[in-house]
PDB file of N, CA and C in Angstrom:
ATOM      1  N   UNK A   1       3.724   5.714  16.898  1.00  0.00           N
ATOM      2  CA  UNK A   1       5.105   5.592  17.324  1.00  0.00           C
ATOM      3  C   UNK A   1       5.786   6.957  17.332  1.00  0.00           C
ATOM      4  N   UNK A   2       5.482   7.772  16.343  1.00  0.00           N
ATOM      5  CA  UNK A   2       6.070   9.109  16.278  1.00  0.00           C
ATOM      6  C   UNK A   2       5.594   9.940  17.465  1.00  0.00           C
ATOM      7  N   UNK A   3       4.347   9.744  17.856  1.00  0.00           N
ATOM      8  CA  UNK A   3       3.800  10.479  18.987  1.00  0.00           C
ATOM      9  C   UNK A   3       4.528  10.115  20.285  1.00  0.00           C
ATOM     10  N   UNK A   4       4.826   8.825  20.475  1.00  0.00           N
ATOM     11  CA  UNK A   4       5.552   8.406  21.674  1.00  0.00           C
ATOM     12  C   UNK A   4       6.963   8.990  21.697  1.00  0.00           C
ATOM     13  N   UNK A   5       7.607   9.006  20.558  1.00  0.00           N
ATOM     14  CA  UNK A   5       8.950   9.572  20.481  1.00  0.00           C
ATOM     15  C   UNK A   5       8.916  11.066  20.792  1.00  0.00           C
ATOM     16  N   UNK A   6       7.909  11.752  20.286  1.00  0.00           N
ATOM     17  CA  UNK A   6       7.773  13.189  20.549  1.00  0.00           C
ATOM     18  C   UNK A   6       7.517  13.441  22.028  1.00  0.00           C
ATOM     19  N   UNK A   7       6.650  12.645  22.629  1.00  0.00           N
ATOM     20  CA  UNK A   7       6.381  12.796  24.067  1.00  0.00           C
ATOM     21  C   UNK A   7       7.648  12.548  24.875  1.00  0.00           C
ATOM     22  N   UNK A   8       8.423  11.532  24.500  1.00  0.00           N
ATOM     23  CA  UNK A   8       9.672  11.238  25.207  1.00  0.00           C
ATOM     24  C   UNK A   8      10.630  12.424  25.148  1.00  0.00           C
ATOM     25  N   UNK A   9      10.844  12.993  23.959  1.00  0.00           N
ATOM     26  CA  UNK A   9      11.789  14.091  23.822  1.00  0.00           C
ATOM     27  C   UNK A   9      11.278  15.359  24.509  1.00  0.00           C
ATOM     28  N   UNK A  10       9.981  15.579  24.502  1.00  0.00           N
ATOM     29  CA  UNK A  10       9.430  16.730  25.231  1.00  0.00           C
ATOM     30  C   UNK A  10       9.678  16.570  26.721  1.00  0.00           C
ATOM     31  N   UNK A  11       9.502  15.358  27.240  1.00  0.00           N
ATOM     32  CA  UNK A  11       9.773  15.105  28.656  1.00  0.00           C
ATOM     33  C   UNK A  11      11.253  15.298  28.993  1.00  0.00           C
ATOM     34  N   UNK A  12      12.140  14.821  28.121  1.00  0.00           N
ATOM     35  CA  UNK A  12      13.582  14.991  28.353  1.00  0.00           C
ATOM     36  C   UNK A  12      13.936  16.479  28.389  1.00  0.00           C
ATOM     37  N   UNK A  13      13.406  17.250  27.445  1.00  0.00           N
ATOM     38  CA  UNK A  13      13.690  18.691  27.405  1.00  0.00           C
ATOM     39  C   UNK A  13      13.111  19.382  28.639  1.00  0.00           C
ATOM     40  N   UNK A  14      11.916  18.976  29.063  1.00  0.00           N
ATOM     41  CA  UNK A  14      11.300  19.587  30.247  1.00  0.00           C
ATOM     42  C   UNK A  14      12.118  19.293  31.505  1.00  0.00           C
ATOM     43  N   UNK A  15      12.580  18.062  31.646  1.00  0.00           N
ATOM     44  CA  UNK A  15      13.402  17.708  32.808  1.00  0.00           C
ATOM     45  C   UNK A  15      14.721  18.483  32.775  1.00  0.00           C
ATOM     46  N   UNK A  16      15.337  18.586  31.607  1.00  0.00           N
ATOM     47  CA  UNK A  16      16.587  19.359  31.502  1.00  0.00           C
ATOM     48  C   UNK A  16      16.361  20.838  31.798  1.00  0.00           C
ATOM     49  N   UNK A  17      15.245  21.388  31.356  1.00  0.00           N
ATOM     50  CA  UNK A  17      14.945  22.793  31.642  1.00  0.00           C
ATOM     51  C   UNK A  17      14.730  23.009  33.142  1.00  0.00           C
ATOM     52  N   UNK A  18      14.009  22.100  33.787  1.00  0.00           N
ATOM     53  CA  UNK A  18      13.797  22.212  35.232  1.00  0.00           C
ATOM     54  C   UNK A  18      15.114  22.059  35.981  1.00  0.00           C
ATOM     55  N   UNK A  19      15.943  21.130  35.537  1.00  0.00           N
ATOM     56  CA  UNK A  19      17.255  20.934  36.160  1.00  0.00           C
ATOM     57  C   UNK A  19      18.126  22.169  35.991  1.00  0.00           C
ATOM     58  N   UNK A  20      18.092  22.749  34.793  1.00  0.00           N
ATOM     59  CA  UNK A  20      18.882  23.949  34.518  1.00  0.00           C
ATOM     60  C   UNK A  20      18.439  25.114  35.401  1.00  0.00           C
ATOM     61  N   UNK A  21      17.141  25.306  35.547  1.00  0.00           N
ATOM     62  CA  UNK A  21      16.627  26.408  36.368  1.00  0.00           C
ATOM     63  C   UNK A  21      17.005  26.231  37.838  1.00  0.00           C
ATOM     64  N   UNK A  22      16.993  25.008  38.320  1.00  0.00           N
ATOM     65  CA  UNK A  22      17.280  24.770  39.740  1.00  0.00           C
ATOM     66  C   UNK A  22      18.768  24.750  40.058  1.00  0.00           C
ATOM     67  N   UNK A  23      19.629  24.515  39.074  1.00  0.00           N
ATOM     68  CA  UNK A  23      21.066  24.326  39.348  1.00  0.00           C
ATOM     69  C   UNK A  23      21.958  25.258  38.530  1.00  0.00           C
ATOM     70  N   UNK A  24      21.552  26.479  38.316  1.00  0.00           N
ATOM     71  CA  UNK A  24      22.368  27.404  37.528  1.00  0.00           C
ATOM     72  C   UNK A  24      23.453  27.999  38.423  1.00  0.00           C
ATOM     73  N   UNK A  25      24.486  27.222  38.650  1.00  0.00           N
ATOM     74  CA  UNK A  25      25.595  27.676  39.488  1.00  0.00           C
ATOM     75  C   UNK A  25      26.903  27.241  38.853  1.00  0.00           C
ATOM     76  N   UNK A  26      27.950  27.999  39.069  1.00  0.00           N
ATOM     77  CA  UNK A  26      29.238  27.625  38.468  1.00  0.00           C
ATOM     78  C   UNK A  26      29.878  26.453  39.225  1.00  0.00           C
ATOM     79  N   UNK A  27      30.523  25.601  38.453  1.00  0.00           N
ATOM     80  CA  UNK A  27      31.277  24.486  39.032  1.00  0.00           C
ATOM     81  C   UNK A  27      32.666  24.479  38.405  1.00  0.00           C
ATOM     82  N   UNK A  28      33.613  23.962  39.157  1.00  0.00           N
ATOM     83  CA  UNK A  28      34.976  23.840  38.651  1.00  0.00           C
ATOM     84  C   UNK A  28      35.277  22.377  38.393  1.00  0.00           C
ATOM     85  N   UNK A  29      35.801  22.099  37.227  1.00  0.00           N
ATOM     86  CA  UNK A  29      36.167  20.740  36.847  1.00  0.00           C
ATOM     87  C   UNK A  29      37.665  20.711  36.623  1.00  0.00           C
ATOM     88  N   UNK A  30      38.353  19.855  37.390  1.00  0.00           N
ATOM     89  CA  UNK A  30      39.803  19.723  37.245  1.00  0.00           C
ATOM     90  C   UNK A  30      40.071  18.677  36.164  1.00  0.00           C
ATOM     91  N   UNK A  31      40.600  19.132  35.036  1.00  0.00           N
ATOM     92  CA  UNK A  31      40.870  18.236  33.913  1.00  0.00           C
ATOM     93  C   UNK A  31      42.233  17.575  34.115  1.00  0.00           C
ATOM     94  N   UNK A  32      43.282  18.384  34.338  1.00  0.00           N
ATOM     95  CA  UNK A  32      44.602  17.903  34.704  1.00  0.00           C
ATOM     96  C   UNK A  32      45.050  18.675  35.922  1.00  0.00           C
ATOM     97  N   UNK A  33      46.268  18.451  36.328  1.00  0.00           N
ATOM     98  CA  UNK A  33      46.770  19.098  37.540  1.00  0.00           C
ATOM     99  C   UNK A  33      46.694  20.619  37.465  1.00  0.00           C
ATOM    100  N   UNK A  34      47.132  21.191  36.388  1.00  0.00           N
ATOM    101  CA  UNK A  34      47.144  22.643  36.287  1.00  0.00           C
ATOM    102  C   UNK A  34      46.001  23.222  35.467  1.00  0.00           C
ATOM    103  N   UNK A  35      45.139  22.368  34.924  1.00  0.00           N
ATOM    104  CA  UNK A  35      44.073  22.821  34.042  1.00  0.00           C
ATOM    105  C   UNK A  35      42.725  22.722  34.754  1.00  0.00           C
ATOM    106  N   UNK A  36      42.087  23.867  34.929  1.00  0.00           N
ATOM    107  CA  UNK A  36      40.828  23.945  35.647  1.00  0.00           C
ATOM    108  C   UNK A  36      39.784  24.560  34.716  1.00  0.00           C
ATOM    109  N   UNK A  37      38.627  23.920  34.585  1.00  0.00           N
ATOM    110  CA  UNK A  37      37.556  24.395  33.727  1.00  0.00           C
ATOM    111  C   UNK A  37      36.414  24.869  34.607  1.00  0.00           C
ATOM    112  N   UNK A  38      36.016  26.118  34.422  1.00  0.00           N
ATOM    113  CA  UNK A  38      34.888  26.645  35.180  1.00  0.00           C
ATOM    114  C   UNK A  38      33.703  26.777  34.223  1.00  0.00           C
ATOM    115  N   UNK A  39      32.625  26.105  34.548  1.00  0.00           N
ATOM    116  CA  UNK A  39      31.437  26.092  33.701  1.00  0.00           C
ATOM    117  C   UNK A  39      30.194  26.003  34.574  1.00  0.00           C
ATOM    118  N   UNK A  40      29.052  26.094  33.955  1.00  0.00           N
ATOM    119  CA  UNK A  40      27.795  25.938  34.677  1.00  0.00           C
ATOM    120  C   UNK A  40      27.441  24.453  34.738  1.00  0.00           C
ATOM    121  N   UNK A  41      26.780  24.043  35.790  1.00  0.00           N
ATOM    122  CA  UNK A  41      26.433  22.636  35.991  1.00  0.00           C
ATOM    123  C   UNK A  41      25.537  22.081  34.883  1.00  0.00           C
ATOM    124  N   UNK A  42      24.500  22.794  34.437  1.00  0.00           N
ATOM    125  CA  UNK A  42      23.672  22.242  33.351  1.00  0.00           C
ATOM    126  C   UNK A  42      24.452  21.985  32.057  1.00  0.00           C
ATOM    127  N   UNK A  43      25.403  22.850  31.749  1.00  0.00           N
ATOM    128  CA  UNK A  43      26.217  22.633  30.555  1.00  0.00           C
ATOM    129  C   UNK A  43      27.017  21.341  30.680  1.00  0.00           C
ATOM    130  N   UNK A  44      27.507  21.069  31.856  1.00  0.00           N
ATOM    131  CA  UNK A  44      28.267  19.851  32.096  1.00  0.00           C
ATOM    132  C   UNK A  44      27.384  18.610  31.956  1.00  0.00           C
ATOM    133  N   UNK A  45      26.172  18.675  32.481  1.00  0.00           N
ATOM    134  CA  UNK A  45      25.249  17.540  32.403  1.00  0.00           C
ATOM    135  C   UNK A  45      24.814  17.304  30.958  1.00  0.00           C
ATOM    136  N   UNK A  46      24.497  18.365  30.252  1.00  0.00           N
ATOM    137  CA  UNK A  46      24.068  18.227  28.850  1.00  0.00           C
ATOM    138  C   UNK A  46      25.211  17.686  27.997  1.00  0.00           C
ATOM    139  N   UNK A  47      26.437  18.142  28.245  1.00  0.00           N
ATOM    140  CA  UNK A  47      27.595  17.629  27.514  1.00  0.00           C
ATOM    141  C   UNK A  47      27.792  16.138  27.781  1.00  0.00           C
ATOM    142  N   UNK A  48      27.647  15.708  29.029  1.00  0.00           N
ATOM    143  CA  UNK A  48      27.788  14.286  29.356  1.00  0.00           C
ATOM    144  C   UNK A  48      26.684  13.466  28.682  1.00  0.00           C
ATOM    145  N   UNK A  49      25.467  14.000  28.640  1.00  0.00           N
ATOM    146  CA  UNK A  49      24.350  13.326  27.979  1.00  0.00           C
ATOM    147  C   UNK A  49      24.639  13.157  26.487  1.00  0.00           C
ATOM    148  N   UNK A  50      25.108  14.215  25.855  1.00  0.00           N
ATOM    149  CA  UNK A  50      25.394  14.150  24.421  1.00  0.00           C
ATOM    150  C   UNK A  50      26.579  13.240  24.112  1.00  0.00           C
ATOM    151  N   UNK A  51      27.575  13.197  25.004  1.00  0.00           N
ATOM    152  CA  UNK A  51      28.715  12.299  24.796  1.00  0.00           C
ATOM    153  C   UNK A  51      28.281  10.829  24.835  1.00  0.00           C
ATOM    154  N   UNK A  52      27.226  10.526  25.556  1.00  0.00           N
ATOM    155  CA  UNK A  52      26.707   9.167  25.563  1.00  0.00           C
ATOM    156  C   UNK A  52      25.735   8.900  24.432  1.00  0.00           C
ATOM    157  N   UNK A  53      24.963   9.918  24.057  1.00  0.00           N
ATOM    158  CA  UNK A  53      23.907   9.733  23.057  1.00  0.00           C
ATOM    159  C   UNK A  53      24.432   9.706  21.622  1.00  0.00           C
ATOM    160  N   UNK A  54      25.276  10.622  21.268  1.00  0.00           N
ATOM    161  CA  UNK A  54      25.679  10.791  19.865  1.00  0.00           C
ATOM    162  C   UNK A  54      26.414   9.568  19.301  1.00  0.00           C
ATOM    163  N   UNK A  55      27.437   9.010  19.983  1.00  0.00           N
ATOM    164  CA  UNK A  55      28.082   7.816  19.396  1.00  0.00           C
ATOM    165  C   UNK A  55      27.131   6.630  19.259  1.00  0.00           C
ATOM    166  N   UNK A  56      26.264   6.441  20.242  1.00  0.00           N
ATOM    167  CA  UNK A  56      25.304   5.339  20.171  1.00  0.00           C
ATOM    168  C   UNK A  56      24.328   5.550  19.023  1.00  0.00           C
ATOM    169  N   UNK A  57      23.856   6.777  18.854  1.00  0.00           N
ATOM    170  CA  UNK A  57      22.932   7.088  17.766  1.00  0.00           C
ATOM    171  C   UNK A  57      23.598   6.898  16.410  1.00  0.00           C
ATOM    172  N   UNK A  58      24.860   7.323  16.279  1.00  0.00           N
ATOM    173  CA  UNK A  58      25.587   7.136  15.017  1.00  0.00           C
ATOM    174  C   UNK A  58      25.792   5.656  14.702  1.00  0.00           C
ATOM    175  N   UNK A  59      26.095   4.861  15.717  1.00  0.00           N
ATOM    176  CA  UNK A  59      26.247   3.420  15.517  1.00  0.00           C
ATOM    177  C   UNK A  59      24.931   2.796  15.069  1.00  0.00           C
ATOM    178  N   UNK A  60      23.832   3.210  15.673  1.00  0.00           N
ATOM    179  CA  UNK A  60      22.506   2.719  15.301  1.00  0.00           C
ATOM    180  C   UNK A  60      22.196   3.071  13.844  1.00  0.00           C
ATOM    181  N   UNK A  61      22.427   4.321  13.461  1.00  0.00           N
ATOM    182  CA  UNK A  61      22.121   4.750  12.089  1.00  0.00           C
ATOM    183  C   UNK A  61      22.995   4.016  11.067  1.00  0.00           C
ATOM    184  N   UNK A  62      24.288   3.816  11.386  1.00  0.00           N
ATOM    185  CA  UNK A  62      25.179   3.111  10.461  1.00  0.00           C
ATOM    186  C   UNK A  62      24.760   1.657  10.304  1.00  0.00           C
ATOM    187  N   UNK A  63      24.391   1.004  11.394  1.00  0.00           N
ATOM    188  CA  UNK A  63      23.955  -0.389  11.330  1.00  0.00           C
ATOM    189  C   UNK A  63      22.662  -0.508  10.547  1.00  0.00           C
ATOM    190  N   UNK A  64      21.732   0.400  10.795  1.00  0.00           N
ATOM    191  CA  UNK A  64      20.450   0.380  10.079  1.00  0.00           C
ATOM    192  C   UNK A  64      20.661   0.605   8.582  1.00  0.00           C
ATOM    193  N   UNK A  65      21.529   1.544   8.220  1.00  0.00           N
ATOM    194  CA  UNK A  65      21.828   1.825   6.816  1.00  0.00           C
ATOM    195  C   UNK A  65      22.437   0.596   6.147  1.00  0.00           C
ATOM    196  N   UNK A  66      23.381  -0.066   6.835  1.00  0.00           N
ATOM    197  CA  UNK A  66      24.049  -1.236   6.278  1.00  0.00           C
ATOM    198  C   UNK A  66      23.051  -2.373   6.071  1.00  0.00           C
ATOM    199  N   UNK A  67      22.175  -2.601   7.045  1.00  0.00           N
ATOM    200  CA  UNK A  67      21.200  -3.677   6.920  1.00  0.00           C
ATOM    201  C   UNK A  67      20.161  -3.384   5.838  1.00  0.00           C
ATOM    202  N   UNK A  68      19.735  -2.133   5.710  1.00  0.00           N
ATOM    203  CA  UNK A  68      18.786  -1.785   4.645  1.00  0.00           C
ATOM    204  C   UNK A  68      19.406  -1.978   3.263  1.00  0.00           C
ATOM    205  N   UNK A  69      20.673  -1.641   3.130  1.00  0.00           N
ATOM    206  CA  UNK A  69      21.355  -1.888   1.852  1.00  0.00           C
ATOM    207  C   UNK A  69      21.445  -3.374   1.567  1.00  0.00           C
ATOM    208  N   UNK A  70      21.721  -4.150   2.603  1.00  0.00           N
ATOM    209  CA  UNK A  70      21.828  -5.604   2.426  1.00  0.00           C
ATOM    210  C   UNK A  70      20.480  -6.197   2.026  1.00  0.00           C
ATOM    211  N   UNK A  71      19.411  -5.748   2.661  1.00  0.00           N
ATOM    212  CA  UNK A  71      18.068  -6.233   2.314  1.00  0.00           C
ATOM    213  C   UNK A  71      17.719  -5.870   0.878  1.00  0.00           C
ATOM    214  N   UNK A  72      18.020  -4.634   0.481  1.00  0.00           N
ATOM    215  CA  UNK A  72      17.738  -4.212  -0.898  1.00  0.00           C
ATOM    216  C   UNK A  72      18.531  -5.055  -1.898  1.00  0.00           C
ATOM    217  N   UNK A  73      19.773  -5.352  -1.575  1.00  0.00           N
ATOM    218  CA  UNK A  73      20.605  -6.172  -2.453  1.00  0.00           C
ATOM    219  C   UNK A  73      20.032  -7.584  -2.570  1.00  0.00           C
ATOM    220  N   UNK A  74      19.609  -8.164  -1.449  1.00  0.00           N
ATOM    221  CA  UNK A  74      19.039  -9.502  -1.486  1.00  0.00           C
ATOM    222  C   UNK A  74      17.714  -9.526  -2.248  1.00  0.00           C
ATOM    223  N   UNK A  75      16.897  -8.493  -2.091  1.00  0.00           N
ATOM    224  CA  UNK A  75      15.642  -8.423  -2.833  1.00  0.00           C
ATOM    225  C   UNK A  75      15.894  -8.300  -4.328  1.00  0.00           C
ATOM    226  N   UNK A  76      16.909  -7.541  -4.702  1.00  0.00           N
ATOM    227  CA  UNK A  76      17.268  -7.403  -6.113  1.00  0.00           C
ATOM    228  C   UNK A  76      17.727  -8.743  -6.674  1.00  0.00           C
ATOM    229  N   UNK A  77      18.558  -9.449  -5.929  1.00  0.00           N
ATOM    230  CA  UNK A  77      19.021 -10.750  -6.388  1.00  0.00           C
ATOM    231  C   UNK A  77      17.865 -11.734  -6.520  1.00  0.00           C
ATOM    232  N   UNK A  78      16.905 -11.651  -5.608  1.00  0.00           N
ATOM    233  CA  UNK A  78      15.758 -12.549  -5.657  1.00  0.00           C
ATOM    234  C   UNK A  78      14.864 -12.253  -6.853  1.00  0.00           C
ATOM    235  N   UNK A  79      14.684 -10.998  -7.188  1.00  0.00           N
ATOM    236  CA  UNK A  79      13.826 -10.651  -8.324  1.00  0.00           C
ATOM    237  C   UNK A  79      14.497 -10.970  -9.658  1.00  0.00           C
ATOM    238  N   UNK A  80      15.803 -10.964  -9.695  1.00  0.00           N
ATOM    239  CA  UNK A  80      16.525 -11.261 -10.928  1.00  0.00           C
ATOM    240  C   UNK A  80      16.542 -12.752 -11.198  1.00  0.00           C
ATOM    241  N   UNK A  81      16.498 -13.535 -10.150  1.00  0.00           N
ATOM    242  CA  UNK A  81      16.570 -14.977 -10.299  1.00  0.00           C
ATOM    243  C   UNK A  81      15.375 -15.467 -11.117  1.00  0.00           C
ATOM    244  N   UNK A  82      15.651 -16.253 -12.127  1.00  0.00           N
ATOM    245  CA  UNK A  82      14.610 -16.746 -13.025  1.00  0.00           C
ATOM    246  C   UNK A  82      14.151 -18.113 -12.535  1.00  0.00           C
ATOM    247  N   UNK A  83      12.852 -18.365 -12.634  1.00  0.00           N
ATOM    248  CA  UNK A  83      12.308 -19.665 -12.228  1.00  0.00           C
ATOM    249  C   UNK A  83      12.846 -20.733 -13.170  1.00  0.00           C
ATOM    250  N   UNK A  84      13.138 -21.901 -12.634  1.00  0.00           N
ATOM    251  CA  UNK A  84      13.665 -22.959 -13.500  1.00  0.00           C
ATOM    252  C   UNK A  84      12.594 -23.410 -14.486  1.00  0.00           C
ATOM    253  N   UNK A  85      13.055 -23.755 -15.678  1.00  0.00           N
ATOM    254  CA  UNK A  85      12.101 -24.202 -16.698  1.00  0.00           C
ATOM    255  C   UNK A  85      11.655 -25.625 -16.368  1.00  0.00           C
ATOM    256  N   UNK A  86      10.406 -25.897 -16.654  1.00  0.00           N
ATOM    257  CA  UNK A  86       9.860 -27.218 -16.380  1.00  0.00           C
ATOM    258  C   UNK A  86       9.963 -28.071 -17.640  1.00  0.00           C
ATOM    259  N   UNK A  87      10.655 -29.158 -17.503  1.00  0.00           N
ATOM    260  CA  UNK A  87      10.748 -30.100 -18.624  1.00  0.00           C
ATOM    261  C   UNK A  87       9.648 -31.133 -18.464  1.00  0.00           C
ATOM    262  N   UNK A  88       9.524 -31.995 -19.406  1.00  0.00           N
ATOM    263  CA  UNK A  88       8.467 -33.008 -19.329  1.00  0.00           C
ATOM    264  C   UNK A  88       8.683 -33.921 -18.133  1.00  0.00           C
ATOM    265  N   UNK A  89       9.908 -34.174 -17.768  1.00  0.00           N
ATOM    266  CA  UNK A  89      10.189 -35.008 -16.599  1.00  0.00           C
ATOM    267  C   UNK A  89       9.688 -34.339 -15.340  1.00  0.00           C
ATOM    268  N   UNK A  90       9.922 -33.037 -15.223  1.00  0.00           N
ATOM    269  CA  UNK A  90       9.446 -32.297 -14.060  1.00  0.00           C
ATOM    270  C   UNK A  90       7.921 -32.243 -14.026  1.00  0.00           C
ATOM    271  N   UNK A  91       7.299 -32.085 -15.187  1.00  0.00           N
ATOM    272  CA  UNK A  91       5.836 -32.053 -15.243  1.00  0.00           C
ATOM    273  C   UNK A  91       5.245 -33.380 -14.816  1.00  0.00           C
ATOM    274  N   UNK A  92       5.847 -34.493 -15.272  1.00  0.00           N
ATOM    275  CA  UNK A  92       5.364 -35.813 -14.876  1.00  0.00           C
ATOM    276  C   UNK A  92       5.487 -36.009 -13.372  1.00  0.00           C
ATOM    277  N   UNK A  93       6.599 -35.595 -12.802  1.00  0.00           N
ATOM    278  CA  UNK A  93       6.800 -35.737 -11.360  1.00  0.00           C
ATOM    279  C   UNK A  93       5.825 -34.854 -10.588  1.00  0.00           C
ATOM    280  N   UNK A  94       5.546 -33.656 -11.083  1.00  0.00           N
ATOM    281  CA  UNK A  94       4.607 -32.763 -10.411  1.00  0.00           C
ATOM    282  C   UNK A  94       3.196 -33.324 -10.457  1.00  0.00           C
ATOM    283  N   UNK A  95       2.819 -33.939 -11.572  1.00  0.00           N
ATOM    284  CA  UNK A  95       1.483 -34.528 -11.676  1.00  0.00           C
ATOM    285  C   UNK A  95       1.348 -35.740 -10.760  1.00  0.00           C
ATOM    286  N   UNK A  96       2.392 -36.547 -10.651  1.00  0.00           N
ATOM    287  CA  UNK A  96       2.356 -37.699  -9.745  1.00  0.00           C
ATOM    288  C   UNK A  96       2.229 -37.245  -8.303  1.00  0.00           C
ATOM    289  N   UNK A  97       2.952 -36.171  -7.937  1.00  0.00           N
ATOM    290  CA  UNK A  97       2.878 -35.643  -6.577  1.00  0.00           C
ATOM    291  C   UNK A  97       1.490 -35.088  -6.289  1.00  0.00           C
ATOM    292  N   UNK A  98       0.822 -34.582  -7.300  1.00  0.00           N
ATOM    293  CA  UNK A  98      -0.509 -34.010  -7.118  1.00  0.00           C
ATOM    294  C   UNK A  98      -1.592 -35.086  -7.167  1.00  0.00           C
ATOM    295  N   UNK A  99      -1.213 -36.319  -7.430  1.00  0.00           N
ATOM    296  CA  UNK A  99      -2.192 -37.396  -7.467  1.00  0.00           C
ATOM    297  C   UNK A  99      -2.765 -37.625  -8.840  1.00  0.00           C
ATOM    298  N   UNK A 100      -2.222 -36.995  -9.832  1.00  0.00           N
ATOM    299  CA  UNK A 100      -2.703 -37.163 -11.186  1.00  0.00           C
ATOM    300  C   UNK A 100      -1.752 -38.094 -11.919  1.00  0.00           C
ATOM    301  N   UNK A 101      -2.285 -38.806 -12.835  1.00  0.00           N
ATOM    302  CA  UNK A 101      -1.421 -39.682 -13.649  1.00  0.00           C
ATOM    303  C   UNK A 101      -1.126 -38.960 -14.936  1.00  0.00           C
ATOM    304  N   UNK A 102       0.082 -39.031 -15.388  1.00  0.00           N
ATOM    305  CA  UNK A 102       0.416 -38.359 -16.647  1.00  0.00           C
ATOM    306  C   UNK A 102      -0.262 -39.058 -17.803  1.00  0.00           C
ATOM    307  N   UNK A 103      -0.722 -38.262 -18.710  1.00  0.00           N
ATOM    308  CA  UNK A 103      -1.370 -38.819 -19.894  1.00  0.00           C
ATOM    309  C   UNK A 103      -0.299 -39.296 -20.866  1.00  0.00           C
ATOM    310  N   UNK A 104      -0.442 -40.528 -21.251  1.00  0.00           N
ATOM    311  CA  UNK A 104       0.513 -41.097 -22.192  1.00  0.00           C
ATOM    312  C   UNK A 104      -0.215 -41.256 -23.524  1.00  0.00           C
ATOM    313  N   UNK A 105       0.290 -40.593 -24.493  1.00  0.00           N
ATOM    314  CA  UNK A 105      -0.316 -40.677 -25.813  1.00  0.00           C
ATOM    315  C   UNK A 105       0.474 -41.695 -26.638  1.00  0.00           C
ATOM    316  N   UNK A 106      -0.221 -42.643 -27.065  1.00  0.00           N
ATOM    317  CA  UNK A 106       0.439 -43.632 -27.930  1.00  0.00           C
ATOM    318  C   UNK A 106      -0.114 -43.454 -29.349  1.00  0.00           C
ATOM    319  N   UNK A 107       0.752 -43.320 -30.220  1.00  0.00           N
ATOM    320  CA  UNK A 107       0.347 -43.137 -31.601  1.00  0.00           C
ATOM    321  C   UNK A 107       0.295 -44.495 -32.275  1.00  0.00           C
ATOM    322  N   UNK A 108      -0.737 -44.697 -32.968  1.00  0.00           N
ATOM    323  CA  UNK A 108      -0.852 -45.965 -33.699  1.00  0.00           C
ATOM    324  C   UNK A 108      -0.371 -45.758 -35.108  1.00  0.00           C
ATOM    325  N   UNK A 109       0.297 -46.742 -35.613  1.00  0.00           N
ATOM    326  CA  UNK A 109       0.815 -46.668 -36.976  1.00  0.00           C
ATOM    327  C   UNK A 109      -0.096 -47.286 -37.939  1.00  0.00           C
TER     328      UNK A 109
END
């Protein structure tokens, strides 16, 4: 799985590098009426990519962290829980369910 992730990121970087080499030209971005931003096209594309990636990645990490904490808490509660003690009534019922008859000891006087 780590290998696939590495291959994916290498491909993304290679595509961005090829895009950057082919499109290294200045562009003007009108932010407001009087505000004009002049930047290179690859910087604009990379910024747009990161604006989409970073919030989604942070949401994923926060959700994963919350769920892992919840699982750990539930596992702790499960390990702390003590098995119920078996009384003679429970033992008799368990033996009947298993097809065994409970041994009845009668003491003679």
